[in-house]
Amino acid sequence: MNARQPQPEMPLKDQEDRYLASTHEVFNQPPALENYNLFEQDIALQEAALREGAGKAAEDLKAFGALAGAAETIDLGFRANANKPVFNTHDRYGHRIDEVDFHPAYHELMRIAFDNGLHSSPWSHPGQGAHVARAAKYYMHSQVEAAHCCPVTMTFAAIPSIRKQPELAADWEARILADSYDPRNRPDSQKSSVTIGMAMTEKQGGSDVRANSTRAYPIGTGGPGQAYELVGHKWFVSAPMCDAFLVLAQTQGGLSCFLMPRWRPDGTKNPWQVQRLKNKMGNVANASSEAELRGALAWMVGEEGRGVPTIIEMVAMTRFDCMIGSSAGMRQAIAQASHHCRHRSAFGARLVDQPLMQNVLADLALESEAALAYTMRIARALDNQDKEHERLLARLATPVGKYWICKRTPNHAYEAMECIGGSGVMEDCIMPRLFRESPVNAIWEGSGNVQCLDTLRALQKEPDTLDAFFKETAEAKGADRRFDQFLAQLQHDFADISDFQYRARNLVDRMALALQGSLLLRHSDAAVADAFCASRLQSNGGMNYGNLPSGTDPASIIKRATPVVG
């Protein structure tokens, strides 16, 4: 064997060039938060799924958590948002098509959602833990990309309303619940799976849907299940490529609900026309549109003149999904921030070990876990609607939770972004997307004031809802003096609700905190429950994050919330 030949020395000039070309070494940077299991790395989620009745779904949730955390799946979210949907009014031959083109990444995210039953599972496989397991999956999937979840939610939420009209349910339900995704722009009669959208609001009314001007004209006898033609406009048509939409329109008997397909049964295009797509600051992977209805064929769902009570069945479920989505946004934000601070050092120590950063991170983690605990408790209530306490609790706690959780999300996203610093503002980081997405759920499906008014409506129509709410929160009495005092004051302030509408935000704020505190005291880690009571129920600090009082245990809270990757 020949001895290895000595290599000639590099000329001095080449050594100098190589030295000058290498300006620095990249270090003190966290690894990408990817290729991790969103279920296994989320202690609070694992505990909530088991506690609220979805223990049998643990293996399925682990598998889905691995899929959601895969680098390839995470990349789909970035690509779907980098390529906005494009609207085409006509084809190249001049035929009106009203077609929205999406990037393939969007369709792949939709396929994952529908293949895994995020639109169907509690309806097709009801039982203990069905809503809880579905909520856990939706919570993980929404962390990957939230915008495309809009049509997933609407398809899921449409079932209770459509079931109000049995003959329509017989035709549509099996295709709505099919665990597959068919994005083709063709008549629904040629598809084995369909998606459902919603078209409620109009320019002059917004949330006041009773001000709608769209008219419905009966083709024959009229009435529930019968065909009508709709003439008017819709200011928001969510996900215009859905196969059918629940729509509100005026009849002689008042505002009524209708199911309006994209195509007529004879295969011709139904004459409702998209005018343009909304140019949104966030939620960009999803298409929202304005439309005019020019005699669009639709079938009445439910009783004539009872459109709001009929479609409110759908709205209640979409509001629940807003809670899941906002909770998911918080979870991804604290995951990103705590992961960054676990790996990043500054001023001689890791960020996660520095007291002031610990205060901020722990406070963000508290908000995230409290939102999840509240949301998953409502999921259990939805699984047990045959029990009066659960029905009453869901009726009141859903608008309260939708108001509070969604409203807390924007500032949470910003604070998490600030933990990361300058690189958290860059578009190759998920944080700008989380921030832009953060106000959406607070505004859609009824803004904050609408949720507070709905809370008042529930109290007026079913006073027993308040008894159920306080019975639920009182389950934690005796566990913490601060909680007991907070709950007693809240109950006292409900003795007179004559000016509830004026005080509604204050009361609903405290209702949300009371239920969150109760759930954390009963079920969470002791450090989490103690810090929540100290900072939310009894605190002299400010309202910004990072105001945990002395004596709390931020290190334990942060450790519980931090995904361990790299």
Protein backbone atom coordinates (compact mmCIF):
# COMPACT_ATOMS: atom_id res chain seq x y z
CA MET A 1 0.00 0.00 0.00
CA ASN A 2 1.42 3.33 -0.99
CA ALA A 3 1.95 5.85 1.73
CA ARG A 4 -0.41 8.82 1.56
CA GLN A 5 1.20 11.56 -0.47
CA PRO A 6 1.70 14.84 1.40
CA GLN A 7 -0.58 17.61 0.18
CA PRO A 8 1.04 20.77 -1.07
CA GLU A 9 0.58 23.79 1.16
CA MET A 10 -2.09 26.30 0.06
CA PRO A 11 -0.49 29.43 -1.33
CA LEU A 12 -0.57 32.36 1.06
CA LYS A 13 -2.78 34.39 -1.32
CA ASP A 14 -5.44 31.62 -1.42
CA GLN A 15 -5.35 31.34 2.37
CA GLU A 16 -6.02 35.07 2.67
CA ASP A 17 -8.92 34.90 0.18
CA ARG A 18 -10.56 32.03 2.07
CA TYR A 19 -10.18 33.90 5.36
CA LEU A 20 -11.73 37.05 3.92
CA ALA A 21 -14.64 35.10 2.37
CA SER A 22 -15.60 33.53 5.70
CA THR A 23 -17.04 36.47 7.63
CA HIS A 24 -18.53 34.68 10.62
CA GLU A 25 -19.82 31.47 12.15
CA VAL A 26 -23.56 31.08 12.72
CA PHE A 27 -24.21 30.10 16.32
CA ASN A 28 -26.54 30.94 19.24
CA GLN A 29 -29.53 30.28 17.01
CA PRO A 30 -32.35 27.83 17.82
CA PRO A 31 -33.02 24.87 15.55
CA ALA A 32 -36.23 25.04 13.53
CA LEU A 33 -39.31 24.00 15.48
CA GLU A 34 -40.26 21.12 13.21
CA ASN A 35 -40.27 17.32 13.09
CA TYR A 36 -41.80 17.14 16.54
CA ASN A 37 -45.07 15.68 17.80
CA LEU A 38 -47.61 18.38 18.62
CA PHE A 39 -49.51 16.02 20.91
CA GLU A 40 -46.63 14.39 22.77
CA GLN A 41 -44.91 17.77 23.26
CA ASP A 42 -48.03 19.40 24.72
CA ILE A 43 -48.62 18.23 28.30
CA ALA A 44 -51.72 20.36 28.79
CA LEU A 45 -53.32 18.96 25.65
CA GLN A 46 -52.60 15.36 26.64
CA GLU A 47 -54.11 15.92 30.07
CA ALA A 48 -57.18 17.72 28.70
CA ALA A 49 -57.90 15.01 26.12
CA LEU A 50 -57.78 12.32 28.79
CA ARG A 51 -59.68 14.35 31.38
CA GLU A 52 -62.52 15.36 29.10
CA GLY A 53 -63.21 11.89 27.73
CA ALA A 54 -60.99 11.26 24.71
CA GLY A 55 -58.56 8.85 26.33
CA LYS A 56 -59.38 6.12 23.82
CA ALA A 57 -58.25 8.43 21.02
CA ALA A 58 -54.73 8.88 22.45
CA GLU A 59 -52.94 6.77 19.81
CA ASP A 60 -54.83 8.46 16.99
CA LEU A 61 -53.98 11.87 18.45
CA LYS A 62 -50.31 10.90 18.72
CA ALA A 63 -50.26 9.89 15.07
CA PHE A 64 -51.93 13.11 14.03
CA GLY A 65 -49.55 15.11 16.23
CA ALA A 66 -46.60 13.60 14.37
CA LEU A 67 -48.17 14.48 11.03
CA ALA A 68 -48.91 18.05 12.10
CA GLY A 69 -45.37 18.56 13.36
CA ALA A 70 -43.60 17.15 10.31
CA ALA A 71 -41.43 19.63 8.43
CA GLU A 72 -43.26 18.83 5.19
CA THR A 73 -46.64 19.63 6.76
CA ILE A 74 -45.41 22.86 8.30
CA ASP A 75 -44.03 23.89 4.93
CA LEU A 76 -47.50 23.52 3.40
CA GLY A 77 -48.72 26.32 5.64
CA PHE A 78 -45.98 28.66 4.47
CA ARG A 79 -46.56 27.89 0.80
CA ALA A 80 -50.33 28.23 1.04
CA ASN A 81 -49.92 31.70 2.53
CA ALA A 82 -47.23 32.80 0.11
CA ASN A 83 -49.59 32.10 -2.80
CA LYS A 84 -52.92 33.86 -2.37
CA PRO A 85 -56.00 32.41 -4.08
CA VAL A 86 -56.77 33.91 -7.48
CA PHE A 87 -60.30 34.57 -8.73
CA ASN A 88 -61.31 33.91 -12.35
CA THR A 89 -64.71 35.18 -13.46
CA HIS A 90 -64.72 33.48 -16.89
CA ASP A 91 -62.88 30.75 -18.73
CA ARG A 92 -60.91 31.48 -21.88
CA TYR A 93 -63.99 30.92 -24.03
CA GLY A 94 -66.07 33.50 -22.18
CA HIS A 95 -68.16 31.18 -20.01
CA ARG A 96 -68.89 32.47 -16.51
CA ILE A 97 -67.18 30.08 -14.06
CA ASP A 98 -66.67 32.01 -10.78
CA GLU A 99 -63.68 29.84 -9.98
CA VAL A 100 -61.02 30.43 -7.34
CA ASP A 101 -57.60 28.90 -7.95
CA PHE A 102 -55.67 27.80 -4.87
CA HIS A 103 -52.06 26.74 -4.51
CA PRO A 104 -51.62 22.94 -4.29
CA ALA A 105 -50.41 23.37 -0.69
CA TYR A 106 -53.86 24.65 0.28
CA HIS A 107 -55.54 21.63 -1.26
CA GLU A 108 -53.13 19.30 0.52
CA LEU A 109 -53.94 20.89 3.88
CA MET A 110 -57.64 20.52 3.08
CA ARG A 111 -57.09 16.88 2.17
CA ILE A 112 -55.34 16.22 5.48
CA ALA A 113 -58.20 17.84 7.38
CA PHE A 114 -60.95 15.94 5.57
CA ASP A 115 -59.15 12.61 5.50
CA ASN A 116 -58.82 12.86 9.27
CA GLY A 117 -62.46 13.75 9.89
CA LEU A 118 -62.00 17.28 11.21
CA HIS A 119 -65.30 18.13 9.51
CA SER A 120 -67.23 14.99 10.40
CA SER A 121 -66.10 12.76 13.24
CA PRO A 122 -68.48 13.84 16.05
CA TRP A 123 -71.45 13.45 13.68
CA SER A 124 -70.42 10.23 11.97
CA HIS A 125 -69.02 8.60 15.14
CA PRO A 126 -70.77 10.25 18.10
CA GLY A 127 -70.15 9.13 21.64
CA GLN A 128 -67.95 9.79 24.63
CA GLY A 129 -65.04 12.04 23.74
CA ALA A 130 -66.00 12.52 20.08
CA HIS A 131 -66.06 16.32 20.18
CA VAL A 132 -63.04 16.34 22.50
CA ALA A 133 -60.92 14.21 20.16
CA ARG A 134 -61.98 16.24 17.15
CA ALA A 135 -61.19 19.49 19.00
CA ALA A 136 -57.72 18.17 19.87
CA LYS A 137 -57.01 17.38 16.22
CA TYR A 138 -58.36 20.72 15.04
CA TYR A 139 -56.21 22.42 17.70
CA MET A 140 -53.08 20.80 16.31
CA HIS A 141 -53.98 21.23 12.65
CA SER A 142 -54.83 24.90 13.06
CA GLN A 143 -51.33 25.51 14.46
CA VAL A 144 -49.96 24.47 11.08
CA GLU A 145 -52.20 26.81 9.05
CA ALA A 146 -55.37 28.45 10.31
CA ALA A 147 -56.93 30.05 7.23
CA HIS A 148 -57.98 26.89 5.39
CA CYS A 149 -59.76 25.73 8.55
CA CYS A 150 -62.62 28.12 7.68
CA PRO A 151 -64.32 25.78 5.16
CA VAL A 152 -63.46 22.81 7.39
CA THR A 153 -65.35 24.47 10.24
CA MET A 154 -68.33 25.50 8.14
CA THR A 155 -68.72 22.01 6.70
CA PHE A 156 -68.56 20.60 10.23
CA ALA A 157 -70.95 23.19 11.65
CA ALA A 158 -73.59 22.90 8.90
CA ILE A 159 -74.86 19.49 10.00
CA PRO A 160 -77.09 20.60 12.91
CA SER A 161 -78.82 23.19 10.71
CA ILE A 162 -79.27 20.92 7.70
CA ARG A 163 -80.73 18.22 9.92
CA LYS A 164 -83.58 20.64 10.60
CA GLN A 165 -84.82 19.67 7.11
CA PRO A 166 -84.80 15.85 6.89
CA GLU A 167 -85.28 15.55 3.11
CA LEU A 168 -82.31 17.86 2.48
CA ALA A 169 -80.24 15.98 5.06
CA ALA A 170 -81.09 12.72 3.29
CA ASP A 171 -79.63 14.11 0.06
CA TRP A 172 -76.61 15.97 1.44
CA GLU A 173 -75.48 14.55 4.78
CA ALA A 174 -73.61 11.46 3.58
CA ARG A 175 -71.56 13.54 1.16
CA ILE A 176 -70.89 16.22 3.77
CA LEU A 177 -69.61 13.62 6.21
CA ALA A 178 -67.50 11.70 3.69
CA ASP A 179 -63.89 11.66 4.87
CA SER A 180 -62.42 12.78 1.59
CA TYR A 181 -61.82 16.05 -0.23
CA ASP A 182 -62.92 16.80 -3.78
CA PRO A 183 -61.97 20.33 -4.90
CA ARG A 184 -63.27 19.99 -8.46
CA ASN A 185 -65.50 22.77 -9.78
CA ARG A 186 -68.38 20.61 -10.92
CA PRO A 187 -72.00 19.87 -9.92
CA ASP A 188 -72.36 18.31 -6.49
CA SER A 189 -74.34 15.43 -8.06
CA GLN A 190 -71.05 14.29 -9.61
CA LYS A 191 -69.16 14.30 -6.30
CA SER A 192 -69.12 11.84 -3.41
CA SER A 193 -67.83 14.44 -0.95
CA VAL A 194 -68.82 18.10 -0.64
CA THR A 195 -68.01 21.19 1.40
CA ILE A 196 -70.45 23.71 2.86
CA GLY A 197 -70.02 27.46 3.25
CA MET A 198 -72.02 30.32 4.71
CA ALA A 199 -73.45 33.58 3.33
CA MET A 200 -75.21 35.63 5.98
CA THR A 201 -74.12 39.26 6.17
CA GLU A 202 -74.93 42.13 3.83
CA LYS A 203 -73.52 45.62 3.37
CA GLN A 204 -76.22 47.48 5.25
CA GLY A 205 -76.50 45.15 8.22
CA GLY A 206 -73.31 43.24 9.06
CA SER A 207 -74.04 41.36 12.27
CA ASP A 208 -77.62 42.68 12.20
CA VAL A 209 -78.80 40.00 9.79
CA ARG A 210 -82.45 40.93 10.33
CA ALA A 211 -81.67 43.99 8.21
CA ASN A 212 -80.90 41.73 5.23
CA SER A 213 -82.54 42.79 1.97
CA THR A 214 -81.99 39.64 -0.14
CA ARG A 215 -85.41 38.27 -1.18
CA ALA A 216 -86.50 34.67 -1.69
CA TYR A 217 -89.27 33.92 -4.21
CA PRO A 218 -90.99 30.51 -4.11
CA ILE A 219 -90.90 28.54 -7.35
CA GLY A 220 -93.92 26.47 -6.34
CA THR A 221 -95.89 26.19 -3.14
CA GLY A 222 -93.07 27.41 -0.93
CA GLY A 223 -92.37 26.46 2.66
CA PRO A 224 -89.80 24.22 4.42
CA GLY A 225 -87.84 22.02 2.02
CA GLN A 226 -89.25 23.77 -1.05
CA ALA A 227 -87.36 25.49 -3.86
CA TYR A 228 -86.92 29.27 -4.08
CA GLU A 229 -84.99 31.74 -6.18
CA LEU A 230 -82.86 34.24 -4.30
CA VAL A 231 -82.23 37.80 -5.49
CA GLY A 232 -79.88 40.14 -3.67
CA HIS A 233 -76.30 40.34 -2.48
CA LYS A 234 -73.97 39.02 0.22
CA TRP A 235 -71.11 41.09 1.61
CA PHE A 236 -69.29 38.04 2.95
CA VAL A 237 -69.42 34.64 1.28
CA SER A 238 -66.87 32.54 3.09
CA ALA A 239 -64.97 30.00 1.00
CA PRO A 240 -66.77 30.57 -2.33
CA MET A 241 -65.54 27.27 -3.80
CA CYS A 242 -67.73 25.30 -1.39
CA ASP A 243 -70.36 23.12 -3.03
CA ALA A 244 -73.30 24.71 -1.20
CA PHE A 245 -74.01 27.50 1.27
CA LEU A 246 -76.40 28.22 4.08
CA VAL A 247 -77.93 31.60 3.21
CA LEU A 248 -80.37 34.00 4.87
CA ALA A 249 -83.06 35.73 2.79
CA GLN A 250 -86.39 37.46 3.35
CA THR A 251 -89.71 35.80 2.50
CA GLN A 252 -93.25 36.98 3.13
CA GLY A 253 -93.00 35.19 6.45
CA GLY A 254 -89.75 36.88 7.46
CA LEU A 255 -86.03 36.08 7.43
CA SER A 256 -85.54 32.42 6.49
CA CYS A 257 -82.65 30.01 6.00
CA PHE A 258 -81.82 28.36 2.66
CA LEU A 259 -79.37 25.83 1.24
CA MET A 260 -77.95 27.25 -1.99
CA PRO A 261 -75.74 25.00 -4.20
CA ARG A 262 -73.09 26.28 -6.60
CA TRP A 263 -74.68 24.32 -9.43
CA ARG A 264 -78.28 23.54 -10.34
CA PRO A 265 -79.41 19.90 -10.44
CA ASP A 266 -79.49 20.01 -14.25
CA GLY A 267 -75.75 20.73 -14.31
CA THR A 268 -76.01 24.41 -15.20
CA LYS A 269 -74.30 27.06 -13.12
CA ASN A 270 -76.48 28.49 -10.37
CA PRO A 271 -76.79 32.25 -11.02
CA TRP A 272 -74.98 33.65 -8.05
CA GLN A 273 -71.89 35.55 -9.09
CA VAL A 274 -68.75 36.35 -7.14
CA GLN A 275 -67.91 40.04 -7.54
CA ARG A 276 -64.44 39.95 -6.03
CA LEU A 277 -62.33 38.33 -3.32
CA LYS A 278 -61.79 40.19 -0.08
CA ASN A 279 -58.32 41.70 0.30
CA LYS A 280 -57.70 40.66 3.90
CA MET A 281 -54.81 41.60 6.16
CA GLY A 282 -54.65 38.01 7.41
CA ASN A 283 -56.37 34.69 6.72
CA VAL A 284 -54.93 35.03 3.22
CA ALA A 285 -54.77 31.35 2.24
CA ASN A 286 -58.57 31.23 2.52
CA ALA A 287 -60.81 32.97 0.00
CA SER A 288 -63.60 35.26 1.22
CA SER A 289 -65.80 36.97 -1.31
CA GLU A 290 -68.64 39.33 -2.20
CA ALA A 291 -71.44 37.98 -4.34
CA GLU A 292 -74.67 38.92 -6.09
CA LEU A 293 -77.57 36.46 -6.30
CA ARG A 294 -79.48 36.70 -9.57
CA GLY A 295 -82.28 34.22 -9.09
CA ALA A 296 -80.09 31.59 -7.42
CA LEU A 297 -81.85 28.30 -6.75
CA ALA A 298 -82.05 27.34 -3.07
CA TRP A 299 -84.17 25.20 -0.73
CA MET A 300 -85.69 26.45 2.51
CA VAL A 301 -84.20 24.90 5.65
CA GLY A 302 -86.38 24.91 8.75
CA GLU A 303 -89.50 26.96 9.32
CA GLU A 304 -90.28 30.05 7.29
CA GLY A 305 -89.43 33.21 9.18
CA ARG A 306 -87.19 31.25 11.56
CA GLY A 307 -83.95 31.73 9.66
CA VAL A 308 -81.90 32.99 12.59
CA PRO A 309 -82.87 30.16 14.99
CA THR A 310 -82.18 27.68 12.18
CA ILE A 311 -78.76 28.96 11.17
CA ILE A 312 -77.77 29.71 14.78
CA GLU A 313 -77.24 25.96 15.14
CA MET A 314 -74.41 26.36 12.63
CA VAL A 315 -73.20 29.62 14.16
CA ALA A 316 -72.88 28.07 17.62
CA MET A 317 -70.54 25.42 16.27
CA THR A 318 -68.47 27.92 14.28
CA ARG A 319 -68.08 30.01 17.43
CA PHE A 320 -66.79 26.95 19.24
CA ASP A 321 -64.23 26.42 16.48
CA CYS A 322 -63.19 30.06 16.85
CA MET A 323 -62.32 29.20 20.44
CA ILE A 324 -60.29 26.19 19.31
CA GLY A 325 -58.53 28.19 16.60
CA SER A 326 -57.59 31.08 18.88
CA SER A 327 -56.41 28.66 21.58
CA ALA A 328 -54.31 26.96 18.91
CA GLY A 329 -52.81 30.28 17.87
CA MET A 330 -51.80 30.93 21.46
CA ARG A 331 -50.29 27.48 21.77
CA GLN A 332 -48.18 27.85 18.65
CA ALA A 333 -47.08 31.33 19.76
CA ILE A 334 -45.87 30.19 23.19
CA ALA A 335 -44.31 27.08 21.63
CA GLN A 336 -42.29 29.26 19.26
CA ALA A 337 -41.33 31.77 21.96
CA SER A 338 -40.35 29.23 24.62
CA HIS A 339 -38.45 27.11 22.09
CA HIS A 340 -36.49 30.17 20.95
CA CYS A 341 -35.69 31.27 24.50
CA ARG A 342 -34.63 27.75 25.51
CA HIS A 343 -31.88 27.82 22.88
CA ARG A 344 -30.95 31.52 22.74
CA SER A 345 -28.47 33.22 25.04
CA ALA A 346 -28.05 36.93 25.72
CA PHE A 347 -26.24 39.00 28.34
CA GLY A 348 -24.42 35.95 29.63
CA ALA A 349 -27.29 33.51 30.15
CA ARG A 350 -29.98 31.64 28.30
CA LEU A 351 -33.08 33.78 27.80
CA VAL A 352 -35.30 31.15 29.41
CA ASP A 353 -33.25 31.41 32.63
CA GLN A 354 -33.48 35.20 32.94
CA PRO A 355 -36.07 36.39 35.50
CA LEU A 356 -37.81 39.04 33.43
CA MET A 357 -38.12 36.78 30.40
CA GLN A 358 -39.35 34.00 32.67
CA ASN A 359 -42.13 36.29 33.86
CA VAL A 360 -43.26 37.00 30.30
CA LEU A 361 -43.00 33.42 29.06
CA ALA A 362 -44.81 31.98 32.06
CA ASP A 363 -47.58 34.55 31.70
CA LEU A 364 -48.01 33.64 28.02
CA ALA A 365 -48.08 29.96 28.96
CA LEU A 366 -50.79 30.59 31.56
CA GLU A 367 -53.00 32.29 28.98
CA SER A 368 -52.52 29.45 26.52
CA GLU A 369 -53.29 26.67 28.98
CA ALA A 370 -56.31 28.49 30.42
CA ALA A 371 -57.74 28.92 26.93
CA LEU A 372 -57.23 25.24 26.13
CA ALA A 373 -58.76 24.07 29.41
CA TYR A 374 -61.86 26.19 28.83
CA THR A 375 -62.23 25.06 25.21
CA MET A 376 -61.86 21.36 25.96
CA ARG A 377 -64.39 21.61 28.79
CA ILE A 378 -66.93 22.97 26.30
CA ALA A 379 -66.04 20.10 23.96
CA ARG A 380 -67.05 17.69 26.71
CA ALA A 381 -70.30 19.60 27.18
CA LEU A 382 -71.02 19.18 23.46
CA ASP A 383 -70.49 15.44 23.83
CA ASN A 384 -73.14 15.32 26.55
CA GLN A 385 -75.98 17.50 25.32
CA ASP A 386 -78.49 14.97 26.63
CA LYS A 387 -77.55 16.10 30.16
CA GLU A 388 -79.25 19.32 31.21
CA HIS A 389 -76.27 20.75 33.07
CA GLU A 390 -74.01 20.24 30.05
CA ARG A 391 -76.55 21.75 27.66
CA LEU A 392 -77.04 24.83 29.83
CA LEU A 393 -73.31 25.23 30.39
CA ALA A 394 -72.52 25.07 26.68
CA ARG A 395 -75.26 27.58 25.87
CA LEU A 396 -73.83 30.24 28.18
CA ALA A 397 -70.14 29.42 28.25
CA THR A 398 -69.74 29.32 24.45
CA PRO A 399 -70.34 33.04 23.79
CA VAL A 400 -68.38 33.89 26.95
CA GLY A 401 -65.42 31.78 25.80
CA LYS A 402 -65.60 32.93 22.21
CA TYR A 403 -65.50 36.54 23.41
CA TRP A 404 -62.66 36.15 25.90
CA ILE A 405 -60.31 33.65 24.27
CA CYS A 406 -60.46 35.22 20.83
CA LYS A 407 -60.02 38.72 22.23
CA ARG A 408 -56.95 37.73 24.25
CA THR A 409 -55.14 36.28 21.24
CA PRO A 410 -53.81 39.37 19.37
CA ASN A 411 -51.78 40.76 22.27
CA HIS A 412 -50.59 37.24 23.08
CA ALA A 413 -49.28 36.85 19.53
CA TYR A 414 -47.49 40.18 19.68
CA GLU A 415 -45.82 39.46 23.03
CA ALA A 416 -44.62 36.08 21.78
CA MET A 417 -43.21 37.78 18.70
CA GLU A 418 -41.35 40.23 20.90
CA CYS A 419 -39.80 37.34 22.86
CA ILE A 420 -38.23 36.16 19.62
CA GLY A 421 -37.13 39.63 18.60
CA GLY A 422 -36.30 40.89 15.13
CA SER A 423 -36.27 37.50 13.45
CA GLY A 424 -39.82 36.97 14.71
CA VAL A 425 -41.02 39.78 12.46
CA MET A 426 -39.58 38.18 9.32
CA GLU A 427 -41.94 36.41 6.92
CA ASP A 428 -39.90 33.20 6.97
CA CYS A 429 -41.00 32.87 10.62
CA ILE A 430 -44.55 31.78 11.45
CA MET A 431 -45.04 34.63 13.93
CA PRO A 432 -46.13 37.31 11.41
CA ARG A 433 -48.81 34.92 10.16
CA LEU A 434 -49.98 34.16 13.69
CA PHE A 435 -50.17 37.88 14.40
CA ARG A 436 -52.14 38.69 11.25
CA GLU A 437 -54.48 35.79 11.93
CA SER A 438 -54.99 36.71 15.59
CA PRO A 439 -57.85 39.29 15.25
CA VAL A 440 -59.90 37.22 12.82
CA ASN A 441 -61.74 34.93 15.23
CA ALA A 442 -62.60 37.83 17.54
CA ILE A 443 -64.39 39.60 14.69
CA TRP A 444 -65.90 36.78 12.62
CA GLU A 445 -68.96 34.87 13.75
CA GLY A 446 -69.98 37.77 15.95
CA SER A 447 -67.57 40.33 17.38
CA GLY A 448 -67.02 40.96 21.09
CA ASN A 449 -70.12 43.06 21.67
CA VAL A 450 -72.27 40.53 19.81
CA GLN A 451 -70.98 37.74 22.08
CA CYS A 452 -71.74 39.79 25.19
CA LEU A 453 -75.27 40.48 23.92
CA ASP A 454 -75.71 36.78 23.18
CA THR A 455 -74.65 36.04 26.75
CA LEU A 456 -77.36 38.42 27.96
CA ARG A 457 -79.87 36.79 25.60
CA ALA A 458 -79.07 33.38 27.06
CA LEU A 459 -79.55 34.67 30.60
CA GLN A 460 -82.88 36.22 29.70
CA LYS A 461 -84.27 33.24 27.80
CA GLU A 462 -82.89 30.53 30.09
CA PRO A 463 -82.01 31.90 33.54
CA ASP A 464 -80.96 28.38 34.53
CA THR A 465 -77.86 28.81 32.37
CA LEU A 466 -76.39 31.10 35.02
CA ASP A 467 -77.10 28.56 37.75
CA ALA A 468 -75.32 25.90 35.67
CA PHE A 469 -72.36 28.22 35.10
CA PHE A 470 -71.92 29.00 38.79
CA LYS A 471 -72.46 25.36 39.74
CA GLU A 472 -69.61 24.42 37.39
CA THR A 473 -67.22 27.12 38.61
CA ALA A 474 -68.05 26.39 42.26
CA GLU A 475 -66.55 22.92 41.86
CA ALA A 476 -63.21 24.55 42.77
CA LYS A 477 -64.44 26.36 45.90
CA GLY A 478 -62.15 25.87 48.86
CA ALA A 479 -59.07 25.24 46.74
CA ASP A 480 -57.82 28.82 46.78
CA ARG A 481 -58.88 31.82 48.87
CA ARG A 482 -58.35 34.26 45.99
CA PHE A 483 -60.61 32.24 43.74
CA ASP A 484 -63.32 32.01 46.40
CA GLN A 485 -63.30 35.80 46.87
CA PHE A 486 -63.36 36.43 43.12
CA LEU A 487 -66.26 34.05 42.56
CA ALA A 488 -68.27 35.46 45.48
CA GLN A 489 -67.91 39.01 44.16
CA LEU A 490 -68.93 37.92 40.67
CA GLN A 491 -72.05 36.18 41.98
CA HIS A 492 -72.90 39.27 44.03
CA ASP A 493 -72.61 41.49 40.95
CA PHE A 494 -75.13 39.31 39.12
CA ALA A 495 -77.79 40.03 41.72
CA ASP A 496 -78.87 43.02 39.63
CA ILE A 497 -78.46 42.86 35.87
CA SER A 498 -80.75 45.81 35.08
CA ASP A 499 -77.87 47.58 33.35
CA PHE A 500 -76.16 44.38 32.17
CA GLN A 501 -75.72 45.61 28.61
CA TYR A 502 -73.66 48.58 29.79
CA ARG A 503 -71.57 46.41 32.15
CA ALA A 504 -71.53 43.35 29.91
CA ARG A 505 -67.86 43.33 29.02
CA ASN A 506 -66.77 43.57 32.63
CA LEU A 507 -69.08 40.77 33.72
CA VAL A 508 -68.26 38.50 30.78
CA ASP A 509 -64.53 39.11 31.33
CA ARG A 510 -64.87 37.89 34.90
CA MET A 511 -67.11 34.96 33.96
CA ALA A 512 -64.38 33.71 31.63
CA LEU A 513 -61.70 34.15 34.28
CA ALA A 514 -63.82 32.41 36.90
CA LEU A 515 -64.34 29.31 34.76
CA GLN A 516 -60.71 29.23 33.66
CA GLY A 517 -59.57 29.56 37.27
CA SER A 518 -61.92 26.82 38.38
CA LEU A 519 -60.70 24.42 35.71
CA LEU A 520 -57.02 25.09 36.40
CA LEU A 521 -57.47 24.71 40.15
CA ARG A 522 -59.23 21.39 39.68
CA HIS A 523 -57.11 19.89 36.94
CA SER A 524 -53.82 21.64 36.17
CA ASP A 525 -50.35 21.75 37.68
CA ALA A 526 -50.25 23.50 41.06
CA ALA A 527 -47.79 26.14 39.82
CA VAL A 528 -50.08 27.01 36.90
CA ALA A 529 -53.20 27.30 39.08
CA ASP A 530 -51.42 29.39 41.71
CA ALA A 531 -49.96 31.82 39.18
CA PHE A 532 -53.30 32.16 37.41
CA CYS A 533 -55.10 33.07 40.62
CA ALA A 534 -52.32 35.45 41.63
CA SER A 535 -52.19 37.27 38.31
CA ARG A 536 -55.77 37.10 37.00
CA LEU A 537 -57.96 36.94 40.08
CA GLN A 538 -55.92 39.00 42.53
CA SER A 539 -53.25 41.25 41.13
CA ASN A 540 -52.01 44.79 41.51
CA GLY A 541 -49.98 44.53 38.32
CA GLY A 542 -50.72 45.87 34.86
CA MET A 543 -52.72 44.21 32.14
CA ASN A 544 -49.72 43.51 29.92
CA TYR A 545 -48.04 40.11 29.93
CA GLY A 546 -45.07 39.78 32.25
CA ASN A 547 -46.83 40.91 35.41
CA LEU A 548 -46.76 37.71 37.47
CA PRO A 549 -46.26 38.64 41.12
CA SER A 550 -43.38 37.41 43.23
CA GLY A 551 -43.78 33.99 44.75
CA THR A 552 -44.97 32.21 41.62
CA ASP A 553 -42.98 29.42 39.97
CA PRO A 554 -42.32 30.56 36.38
CA ALA A 555 -39.66 27.92 35.68
CA SER A 556 -42.13 25.06 36.25
CA ILE A 557 -44.79 26.74 34.13
CA ILE A 558 -42.37 27.33 31.26
CA LYS A 559 -41.00 23.80 31.39
CA ARG A 560 -44.54 22.42 31.15
CA ALA A 561 -45.27 24.54 28.07
CA THR A 562 -42.00 24.20 26.13
CA PRO A 563 -41.67 21.66 23.31
CA VAL A 564 -38.31 19.90 23.60
CA VAL A 565 -36.79 19.90 20.13
CA GLY A 566 -33.05 19.88 19.50
